[in-house]
mmCIF file of all heavy atoms, coordinates in Angstrom:
data_MODEL
# 
_entry.id   MODEL 
# 
loop_
_atom_site.group_PDB 
_atom_site.id 
_atom_site.type_symbol 
_atom_site.label_atom_id 
_atom_site.label_alt_id 
_atom_site.label_comp_id 
_atom_site.label_asym_id 
_atom_site.label_entity_id 
_atom_site.label_seq_id 
_atom_site.pdbx_PDB_ins_code 
_atom_site.Cartn_x 
_atom_site.Cartn_y 
_atom_site.Cartn_z 
_atom_site.occupancy 
_atom_site.B_iso_or_equiv 
_atom_site.pdbx_formal_charge 
_atom_site.auth_seq_id 
_atom_site.auth_comp_id 
_atom_site.auth_asym_id 
_atom_site.auth_atom_id 
_atom_site.pdbx_PDB_model_num 
ATOM 1   N N   . LEU A 1 1  ? 108.778 100.951 -2.838 1.00 0.00 ? 1  LEU A N   1 
ATOM 2   C CA  . LEU A 1 1  ? 107.541 100.555 -2.158 1.00 0.00 ? 1  LEU A CA  1 
ATOM 3   C C   . LEU A 1 1  ? 107.849 99.861  -0.844 1.00 0.00 ? 1  LEU A C   1 
ATOM 4   O O   . LEU A 1 1  ? 107.208 100.126 0.186  1.00 0.00 ? 1  LEU A O   1 
ATOM 5   C CB  . LEU A 1 1  ? 106.717 99.638  -3.058 1.00 0.00 ? 1  LEU A CB  1 
ATOM 6   C CG  . LEU A 1 1  ? 105.373 99.164  -2.498 1.00 0.00 ? 1  LEU A CG  1 
ATOM 7   C CD1 . LEU A 1 1  ? 104.452 100.359 -2.238 1.00 0.00 ? 1  LEU A CD1 1 
ATOM 8   C CD2 . LEU A 1 1  ? 104.708 98.184  -3.467 1.00 0.00 ? 1  LEU A CD2 1 
ATOM 9   N N   . TYR A 1 2  ? 108.850 98.986  -0.876 1.00 0.00 ? 2  TYR A N   1 
ATOM 10  C CA  . TYR A 1 2  ? 109.276 98.286  0.341  1.00 0.00 ? 2  TYR A CA  1 
ATOM 11  C C   . TYR A 1 2  ? 109.733 99.279  1.405  1.00 0.00 ? 2  TYR A C   1 
ATOM 12  O O   . TYR A 1 2  ? 109.389 99.154  2.587  1.00 0.00 ? 2  TYR A O   1 
ATOM 13  C CB  . TYR A 1 2  ? 110.421 97.322  -0.018 1.00 0.00 ? 2  TYR A CB  1 
ATOM 14  C CG  . TYR A 1 2  ? 111.198 96.786  1.151  1.00 0.00 ? 2  TYR A CG  1 
ATOM 15  C CD1 . TYR A 1 2  ? 110.751 95.681  1.863  1.00 0.00 ? 2  TYR A CD1 1 
ATOM 16  C CD2 . TYR A 1 2  ? 112.392 97.386  1.547  1.00 0.00 ? 2  TYR A CD2 1 
ATOM 17  C CE1 . TYR A 1 2  ? 111.468 95.186  2.944  1.00 0.00 ? 2  TYR A CE1 1 
ATOM 18  C CE2 . TYR A 1 2  ? 113.113 96.906  2.627  1.00 0.00 ? 2  TYR A CE2 1 
ATOM 19  C CZ  . TYR A 1 2  ? 112.651 95.802  3.315  1.00 0.00 ? 2  TYR A CZ  1 
ATOM 20  O OH  . TYR A 1 2  ? 113.358 95.321  4.392  1.00 0.00 ? 2  TYR A OH  1 
ATOM 21  N N   . GLY A 1 3  ? 110.480 100.295 0.996  1.00 0.00 ? 3  GLY A N   1 
ATOM 22  C CA  . GLY A 1 3  ? 110.967 101.297 1.946  1.00 0.00 ? 3  GLY A CA  1 
ATOM 23  C C   . GLY A 1 3  ? 109.830 102.094 2.565  1.00 0.00 ? 3  GLY A C   1 
ATOM 24  O O   . GLY A 1 3  ? 109.829 102.359 3.776  1.00 0.00 ? 3  GLY A O   1 
ATOM 25  N N   . VAL A 1 4  ? 108.840 102.473 1.750  1.00 0.00 ? 4  VAL A N   1 
ATOM 26  C CA  . VAL A 1 4  ? 107.698 103.244 2.259  1.00 0.00 ? 4  VAL A CA  1 
ATOM 27  C C   . VAL A 1 4  ? 106.895 102.411 3.264  1.00 0.00 ? 4  VAL A C   1 
ATOM 28  O O   . VAL A 1 4  ? 106.506 102.899 4.330  1.00 0.00 ? 4  VAL A O   1 
ATOM 29  C CB  . VAL A 1 4  ? 106.798 103.695 1.089  1.00 0.00 ? 4  VAL A CB  1 
ATOM 30  C CG1 . VAL A 1 4  ? 105.481 104.267 1.623  1.00 0.00 ? 4  VAL A CG1 1 
ATOM 31  C CG2 . VAL A 1 4  ? 107.512 104.733 0.239  1.00 0.00 ? 4  VAL A CG2 1 
ATOM 32  N N   . ILE A 1 5  ? 106.641 101.138 2.938  1.00 0.00 ? 5  ILE A N   1 
ATOM 33  C CA  . ILE A 1 5  ? 105.892 100.266 3.843  1.00 0.00 ? 5  ILE A CA  1 
ATOM 34  C C   . ILE A 1 5  ? 106.667 100.062 5.143  1.00 0.00 ? 5  ILE A C   1 
ATOM 35  O O   . ILE A 1 5  ? 106.105 100.125 6.246  1.00 0.00 ? 5  ILE A O   1 
ATOM 36  C CB  . ILE A 1 5  ? 105.602 98.909  3.164  1.00 0.00 ? 5  ILE A CB  1 
ATOM 37  C CG1 . ILE A 1 5  ? 104.644 99.107  1.990  1.00 0.00 ? 5  ILE A CG1 1 
ATOM 38  C CG2 . ILE A 1 5  ? 105.010 97.917  4.167  1.00 0.00 ? 5  ILE A CG2 1 
ATOM 39  C CD1 . ILE A 1 5  ? 104.436 97.855  1.156  1.00 0.00 ? 5  ILE A CD1 1 
ATOM 40  N N   . ASN A 1 6  ? 107.970 99.819  5.036  1.00 0.00 ? 6  ASN A N   1 
ATOM 41  C CA  . ASN A 1 6  ? 108.820 99.673  6.223  1.00 0.00 ? 6  ASN A CA  1 
ATOM 42  C C   . ASN A 1 6  ? 108.718 100.896 7.129  1.00 0.00 ? 6  ASN A C   1 
ATOM 43  O O   . ASN A 1 6  ? 108.538 100.793 8.346  1.00 0.00 ? 6  ASN A O   1 
ATOM 44  C CB  . ASN A 1 6  ? 110.277 99.489  5.805  1.00 0.00 ? 6  ASN A CB  1 
ATOM 45  C CG  . ASN A 1 6  ? 110.701 98.038  5.844  1.00 0.00 ? 6  ASN A CG  1 
ATOM 46  O OD1 . ASN A 1 6  ? 110.002 97.181  6.371  1.00 0.00 ? 6  ASN A OD1 1 
ATOM 47  N ND2 . ASN A 1 6  ? 111.846 97.757  5.277  1.00 0.00 ? 6  ASN A ND2 1 
ATOM 48  N N   . ALA A 1 7  ? 108.856 102.077 6.522  1.00 0.00 ? 7  ALA A N   1 
ATOM 49  C CA  . ALA A 1 7  ? 108.822 103.317 7.293  1.00 0.00 ? 7  ALA A CA  1 
ATOM 50  C C   . ALA A 1 7  ? 107.464 103.512 7.963  1.00 0.00 ? 7  ALA A C   1 
ATOM 51  O O   . ALA A 1 7  ? 107.379 103.942 9.114  1.00 0.00 ? 7  ALA A O   1 
ATOM 52  C CB  . ALA A 1 7  ? 109.143 104.503 6.384  1.00 0.00 ? 7  ALA A CB  1 
ATOM 53  N N   . SER A 1 8  ? 106.396 103.194 7.243  1.00 0.00 ? 8  SER A N   1 
ATOM 54  C CA  . SER A 1 8  ? 105.050 103.357 7.792  1.00 0.00 ? 8  SER A CA  1 
ATOM 55  C C   . SER A 1 8  ? 104.827 102.435 8.984  1.00 0.00 ? 8  SER A C   1 
ATOM 56  O O   . SER A 1 8  ? 104.271 102.843 10.013 1.00 0.00 ? 8  SER A O   1 
ATOM 57  C CB  . SER A 1 8  ? 104.000 103.075 6.709  1.00 0.00 ? 8  SER A CB  1 
ATOM 58  O OG  . SER A 1 8  ? 104.143 103.964 5.629  1.00 0.00 ? 8  SER A OG  1 
ATOM 59  N N   . VAL A 1 9  ? 105.257 101.181 8.859  1.00 0.00 ? 9  VAL A N   1 
ATOM 60  C CA  . VAL A 1 9  ? 105.086 100.220 9.949  1.00 0.00 ? 9  VAL A CA  1 
ATOM 61  C C   . VAL A 1 9  ? 105.911 100.639 11.162 1.00 0.00 ? 9  VAL A C   1 
ATOM 62  O O   . VAL A 1 9  ? 105.447 100.581 12.307 1.00 0.00 ? 9  VAL A O   1 
ATOM 63  C CB  . VAL A 1 9  ? 105.487 98.806  9.484  1.00 0.00 ? 9  VAL A CB  1 
ATOM 64  C CG1 . VAL A 1 9  ? 105.551 97.836  10.664 1.00 0.00 ? 9  VAL A CG1 1 
ATOM 65  C CG2 . VAL A 1 9  ? 104.509 98.298  8.437  1.00 0.00 ? 9  VAL A CG2 1 
ATOM 66  N N   . THR A 1 10 ? 107.144 101.080 10.921 1.00 0.00 ? 10 THR A N   1 
ATOM 67  C CA  . THR A 1 10 ? 108.008 101.521 12.024 1.00 0.00 ? 10 THR A CA  1 
ATOM 68  C C   . THR A 1 10 ? 107.402 102.717 12.752 1.00 0.00 ? 10 THR A C   1 
ATOM 69  O O   . THR A 1 10 ? 107.352 102.751 13.991 1.00 0.00 ? 10 THR A O   1 
ATOM 70  C CB  . THR A 1 10 ? 109.402 101.901 11.487 1.00 0.00 ? 10 THR A CB  1 
ATOM 71  O OG1 . THR A 1 10 ? 109.979 100.751 10.857 1.00 0.00 ? 10 THR A OG1 1 
ATOM 72  C CG2 . THR A 1 10 ? 110.315 102.365 12.603 1.00 0.00 ? 10 THR A CG2 1 
ATOM 73  N N   . ALA A 1 11 ? 106.918 103.716 11.994 1.00 0.00 ? 11 ALA A N   1 
ATOM 74  C CA  . ALA A 1 11 ? 106.302 104.891 12.605 1.00 0.00 ? 11 ALA A CA  1 
ATOM 75  C C   . ALA A 1 11 ? 105.046 104.505 13.394 1.00 0.00 ? 11 ALA A C   1 
ATOM 76  O O   . ALA A 1 11 ? 104.792 105.039 14.479 1.00 0.00 ? 11 ALA A O   1 
ATOM 77  C CB  . ALA A 1 11 ? 105.963 105.924 11.534 1.00 0.00 ? 11 ALA A CB  1 
ATOM 78  N N   . SER A 1 12 ? 104.278 103.560 12.850 1.00 0.00 ? 12 SER A N   1 
ATOM 79  C CA  . SER A 1 12 ? 103.073 103.096 13.542 1.00 0.00 ? 12 SER A CA  1 
ATOM 80  C C   . SER A 1 12 ? 103.422 102.411 14.863 1.00 0.00 ? 12 SER A C   1 
ATOM 81  O O   . SER A 1 12 ? 102.753 102.622 15.887 1.00 0.00 ? 12 SER A O   1 
ATOM 82  C CB  . SER A 1 12 ? 102.291 102.149 12.637 1.00 0.00 ? 12 SER A CB  1 
ATOM 83  O OG  . SER A 1 12 ? 101.169 101.610 13.305 1.00 0.00 ? 12 SER A OG  1 
ATOM 84  N N   . ASN A 1 13 ? 104.465 101.595 14.841 1.00 0.00 ? 13 ASN A N   1 
ATOM 85  C CA  . ASN A 1 13 ? 104.897 100.910 16.068 1.00 0.00 ? 13 ASN A CA  1 
ATOM 86  C C   . ASN A 1 13 ? 105.355 101.909 17.134 1.00 0.00 ? 13 ASN A C   1 
ATOM 87  O O   . ASN A 1 13 ? 105.096 101.727 18.322 1.00 0.00 ? 13 ASN A O   1 
ATOM 88  C CB  . ASN A 1 13 ? 106.034 99.930  15.748 1.00 0.00 ? 13 ASN A CB  1 
ATOM 89  C CG  . ASN A 1 13 ? 105.554 98.723  14.970 1.00 0.00 ? 13 ASN A CG  1 
ATOM 90  O OD1 . ASN A 1 13 ? 104.368 98.396  14.980 1.00 0.00 ? 13 ASN A OD1 1 
ATOM 91  N ND2 . ASN A 1 13 ? 106.469 98.051  14.276 1.00 0.00 ? 13 ASN A ND2 1 
ATOM 92  N N   . ILE A 1 14 ? 106.049 102.950 16.692 1.00 0.00 ? 14 ILE A N   1 
ATOM 93  C CA  . ILE A 1 14 ? 106.499 103.981 17.640 1.00 0.00 ? 14 ILE A CA  1 
ATOM 94  C C   . ILE A 1 14 ? 105.294 104.682 18.256 1.00 0.00 ? 14 ILE A C   1 
ATOM 95  O O   . ILE A 1 14 ? 105.236 104.928 19.469 1.00 0.00 ? 14 ILE A O   1 
ATOM 96  C CB  . ILE A 1 14 ? 107.419 104.995 16.934 1.00 0.00 ? 14 ILE A CB  1 
ATOM 97  C CG1 . ILE A 1 14 ? 108.754 104.334 16.570 1.00 0.00 ? 14 ILE A CG1 1 
ATOM 98  C CG2 . ILE A 1 14 ? 107.666 106.214 17.813 1.00 0.00 ? 14 ILE A CG2 1 
ATOM 99  C CD1 . ILE A 1 14 ? 109.649 105.193 15.714 1.00 0.00 ? 14 ILE A CD1 1 
ATOM 100 N N   . THR A 1 15 ? 104.308 105.006 17.427 1.00 0.00 ? 15 THR A N   1 
ATOM 101 C CA  . THR A 1 15 ? 103.102 105.672 17.919 1.00 0.00 ? 15 THR A CA  1 
ATOM 102 C C   . THR A 1 15 ? 102.393 104.827 18.972 1.00 0.00 ? 15 THR A C   1 
ATOM 103 O O   . THR A 1 15 ? 101.939 105.329 20.007 1.00 0.00 ? 15 THR A O   1 
ATOM 104 C CB  . THR A 1 15 ? 102.136 105.959 16.758 1.00 0.00 ? 15 THR A CB  1 
ATOM 105 O OG1 . THR A 1 15 ? 102.798 106.776 15.789 1.00 0.00 ? 15 THR A OG1 1 
ATOM 106 C CG2 . THR A 1 15 ? 100.887 106.679 17.248 1.00 0.00 ? 15 THR A CG2 1 
ATOM 107 N N   . ARG A 1 16 ? 102.327 103.509 18.730 1.00 0.00 ? 16 ARG A N   1 
ATOM 108 C CA  . ARG A 1 16 ? 101.590 102.622 19.632 1.00 0.00 ? 16 ARG A CA  1 
ATOM 109 C C   . ARG A 1 16 ? 102.383 102.250 20.883 1.00 0.00 ? 16 ARG A C   1 
ATOM 110 O O   . ARG A 1 16 ? 101.828 102.096 21.961 1.00 0.00 ? 16 ARG A O   1 
ATOM 111 C CB  . ARG A 1 16 ? 101.179 101.344 18.895 1.00 0.00 ? 16 ARG A CB  1 
ATOM 112 C CG  . ARG A 1 16 ? 100.076 101.549 17.865 1.00 0.00 ? 16 ARG A CG  1 
ATOM 113 C CD  . ARG A 1 16 ? 99.591  100.255 17.255 1.00 0.00 ? 16 ARG A CD  1 
ATOM 114 N NE  . ARG A 1 16 ? 100.615 99.639  16.401 1.00 0.00 ? 16 ARG A NE  1 
ATOM 115 C CZ  . ARG A 1 16 ? 101.348 98.591  16.753 1.00 0.00 ? 16 ARG A CZ  1 
ATOM 116 N NH1 . ARG A 1 16 ? 101.189 98.043  17.947 1.00 0.00 ? 16 ARG A NH1 1 
ATOM 117 N NH2 . ARG A 1 16 ? 102.245 98.097  15.927 1.00 0.00 ? 16 ARG A NH2 1 
ATOM 118 N N   . GLN A 1 17 ? 103.704 102.123 20.743 1.00 0.00 ? 17 GLN A N   1 
ATOM 119 C CA  . GLN A 1 17 ? 104.491 101.533 21.817 1.00 0.00 ? 17 GLN A CA  1 
ATOM 120 C C   . GLN A 1 17 ? 105.433 102.501 22.527 1.00 0.00 ? 17 GLN A C   1 
ATOM 121 O O   . GLN A 1 17 ? 105.775 102.288 23.697 1.00 0.00 ? 17 GLN A O   1 
ATOM 122 C CB  . GLN A 1 17 ? 105.333 100.360 21.266 1.00 0.00 ? 17 GLN A CB  1 
ATOM 123 C CG  . GLN A 1 17 ? 104.504 99.267  20.614 1.00 0.00 ? 17 GLN A CG  1 
ATOM 124 C CD  . GLN A 1 17 ? 105.369 98.244  19.899 1.00 0.00 ? 17 GLN A CD  1 
ATOM 125 O OE1 . GLN A 1 17 ? 106.596 98.250  20.003 1.00 0.00 ? 17 GLN A OE1 1 
ATOM 126 N NE2 . GLN A 1 17 ? 104.744 97.361  19.144 1.00 0.00 ? 17 GLN A NE2 1 
ATOM 127 N N   . LEU A 1 18 ? 105.872 103.538 21.843 1.00 0.00 ? 18 LEU A N   1 
ATOM 128 C CA  . LEU A 1 18 ? 106.967 104.356 22.367 1.00 0.00 ? 18 LEU A CA  1 
ATOM 129 C C   . LEU A 1 18 ? 106.635 105.831 22.504 1.00 0.00 ? 18 LEU A C   1 
ATOM 130 O O   . LEU A 1 18 ? 107.526 106.662 22.597 1.00 0.00 ? 18 LEU A O   1 
ATOM 131 C CB  . LEU A 1 18 ? 108.215 104.188 21.475 1.00 0.00 ? 18 LEU A CB  1 
ATOM 132 C CG  . LEU A 1 18 ? 108.739 102.755 21.343 1.00 0.00 ? 18 LEU A CG  1 
ATOM 133 C CD1 . LEU A 1 18 ? 109.802 102.678 20.254 1.00 0.00 ? 18 LEU A CD1 1 
ATOM 134 C CD2 . LEU A 1 18 ? 109.322 102.276 22.669 1.00 0.00 ? 18 LEU A CD2 1 
ATOM 135 N N   . THR A 1 19 ? 105.332 106.160 22.468 1.00 0.00 ? 19 THR A N   1 
ATOM 136 C CA  . THR A 1 19 ? 104.927 107.548 22.596 1.00 0.00 ? 19 THR A CA  1 
ATOM 137 C C   . THR A 1 19 ? 104.176 107.745 23.896 1.00 0.00 ? 19 THR A C   1 
ATOM 138 O O   . THR A 1 19 ? 103.297 106.948 24.242 1.00 0.00 ? 19 THR A O   1 
ATOM 139 C CB  . THR A 1 19 ? 104.011 107.945 21.407 1.00 0.00 ? 19 THR A CB  1 
ATOM 140 O OG1 . THR A 1 19 ? 104.722 107.746 20.185 1.00 0.00 ? 19 THR A OG1 1 
ATOM 141 C CG2 . THR A 1 19 ? 103.603 109.408 21.504 1.00 0.00 ? 19 THR A CG2 1 
ATOM 142 N N   . LEU A 1 20 ? 104.520 108.785 24.632 1.00 0.00 ? 20 LEU A N   1 
ATOM 143 C CA  . LEU A 1 20 ? 103.827 109.075 25.886 1.00 0.00 ? 20 LEU A CA  1 
ATOM 144 C C   . LEU A 1 20 ? 102.376 109.469 25.619 1.00 0.00 ? 20 LEU A C   1 
ATOM 145 O O   . LEU A 1 20 ? 102.096 110.265 24.729 1.00 0.00 ? 20 LEU A O   1 
ATOM 146 C CB  . LEU A 1 20 ? 104.529 110.215 26.635 1.00 0.00 ? 20 LEU A CB  1 
ATOM 147 C CG  . LEU A 1 20 ? 105.908 109.904 27.238 1.00 0.00 ? 20 LEU A CG  1 
ATOM 148 C CD1 . LEU A 1 20 ? 106.484 111.163 27.858 1.00 0.00 ? 20 LEU A CD1 1 
ATOM 149 C CD2 . LEU A 1 20 ? 105.799 108.807 28.290 1.00 0.00 ? 20 LEU A CD2 1 
ATOM 150 N N   . THR A 1 21 ? 101.451 108.894 26.415 1.00 0.00 ? 21 THR A N   1 
ATOM 151 C CA  . THR A 1 21 ? 100.047 109.284 26.312 1.00 0.00 ? 21 THR A CA  1 
ATOM 152 C C   . THR A 1 21 ? 99.813  110.584 27.079 1.00 0.00 ? 21 THR A C   1 
ATOM 153 O O   . THR A 1 21 ? 100.668 111.032 27.836 1.00 0.00 ? 21 THR A O   1 
ATOM 154 C CB  . THR A 1 21 ? 99.153  108.175 26.904 1.00 0.00 ? 21 THR A CB  1 
ATOM 155 O OG1 . THR A 1 21 ? 99.466  108.050 28.303 1.00 0.00 ? 21 THR A OG1 1 
ATOM 156 C CG2 . THR A 1 21 ? 99.403  106.849 26.214 1.00 0.00 ? 21 THR A CG2 1 
ATOM 157 N N   . SER A 1 22 ? 98.649  111.173 26.903 1.00 0.00 ? 22 SER A N   1 
ATOM 158 C CA  . SER A 1 22 ? 98.332  112.417 27.606 1.00 0.00 ? 22 SER A CA  1 
ATOM 159 C C   . SER A 1 22 ? 98.358  112.222 29.109 1.00 0.00 ? 22 SER A C   1 
ATOM 160 O O   . SER A 1 22 ? 98.847  113.062 29.861 1.00 0.00 ? 22 SER A O   1 
ATOM 161 C CB  . SER A 1 22 ? 96.943  112.927 27.160 1.00 0.00 ? 22 SER A CB  1 
ATOM 162 O OG  . SER A 1 22 ? 96.947  113.195 25.770 1.00 0.00 ? 22 SER A OG  1 
ATOM 163 N N   . SER A 1 23 ? 97.835  111.072 29.561 1.00 0.00 ? 23 SER A N   1 
ATOM 164 C CA  . SER A 1 23 ? 97.824  110.792 31.001 1.00 0.00 ? 23 SER A CA  1 
ATOM 165 C C   . SER A 1 23 ? 99.251  110.605 31.543 1.00 0.00 ? 23 SER A C   1 
ATOM 166 O O   . SER A 1 23 ? 99.570  111.074 32.639 1.00 0.00 ? 23 SER A O   1 
ATOM 167 C CB  . SER A 1 23 ? 96.994  109.550 31.301 1.00 0.00 ? 23 SER A CB  1 
ATOM 168 O OG  . SER A 1 23 ? 97.494  108.429 30.588 1.00 0.00 ? 23 SER A OG  1 
ATOM 169 N N   . ASP A 1 24 ? 100.100 109.939 30.761 1.00 0.00 ? 24 ASP A N   1 
ATOM 170 C CA  . ASP A 1 24 ? 101.503 109.784 31.170 1.00 0.00 ? 24 ASP A CA  1 
ATOM 171 C C   . ASP A 1 24 ? 102.181 111.143 31.257 1.00 0.00 ? 24 ASP A C   1 
ATOM 172 O O   . ASP A 1 24 ? 102.962 111.398 32.179 1.00 0.00 ? 24 ASP A O   1 
ATOM 173 C CB  . ASP A 1 24 ? 102.263 108.901 30.170 1.00 0.00 ? 24 ASP A CB  1 
ATOM 174 C CG  . ASP A 1 24 ? 101.833 107.456 30.232 1.00 0.00 ? 24 ASP A CG  1 
ATOM 175 O OD1 . ASP A 1 24 ? 101.392 107.023 31.307 1.00 0.00 ? 24 ASP A OD1 1 
ATOM 176 O OD2 . ASP A 1 24 ? 101.956 106.770 29.199 1.00 0.00 ? 24 ASP A OD2 1 
# 
C-alpha cells in the first residue's frame, strides 16, 4: 500500500511540475 501511494504521489507531482503544457 505504501508503494502504491508513493508511486501515485510521484506520478502526480510529475504531471503538475515536470510535464510540458500544450502552450509550452
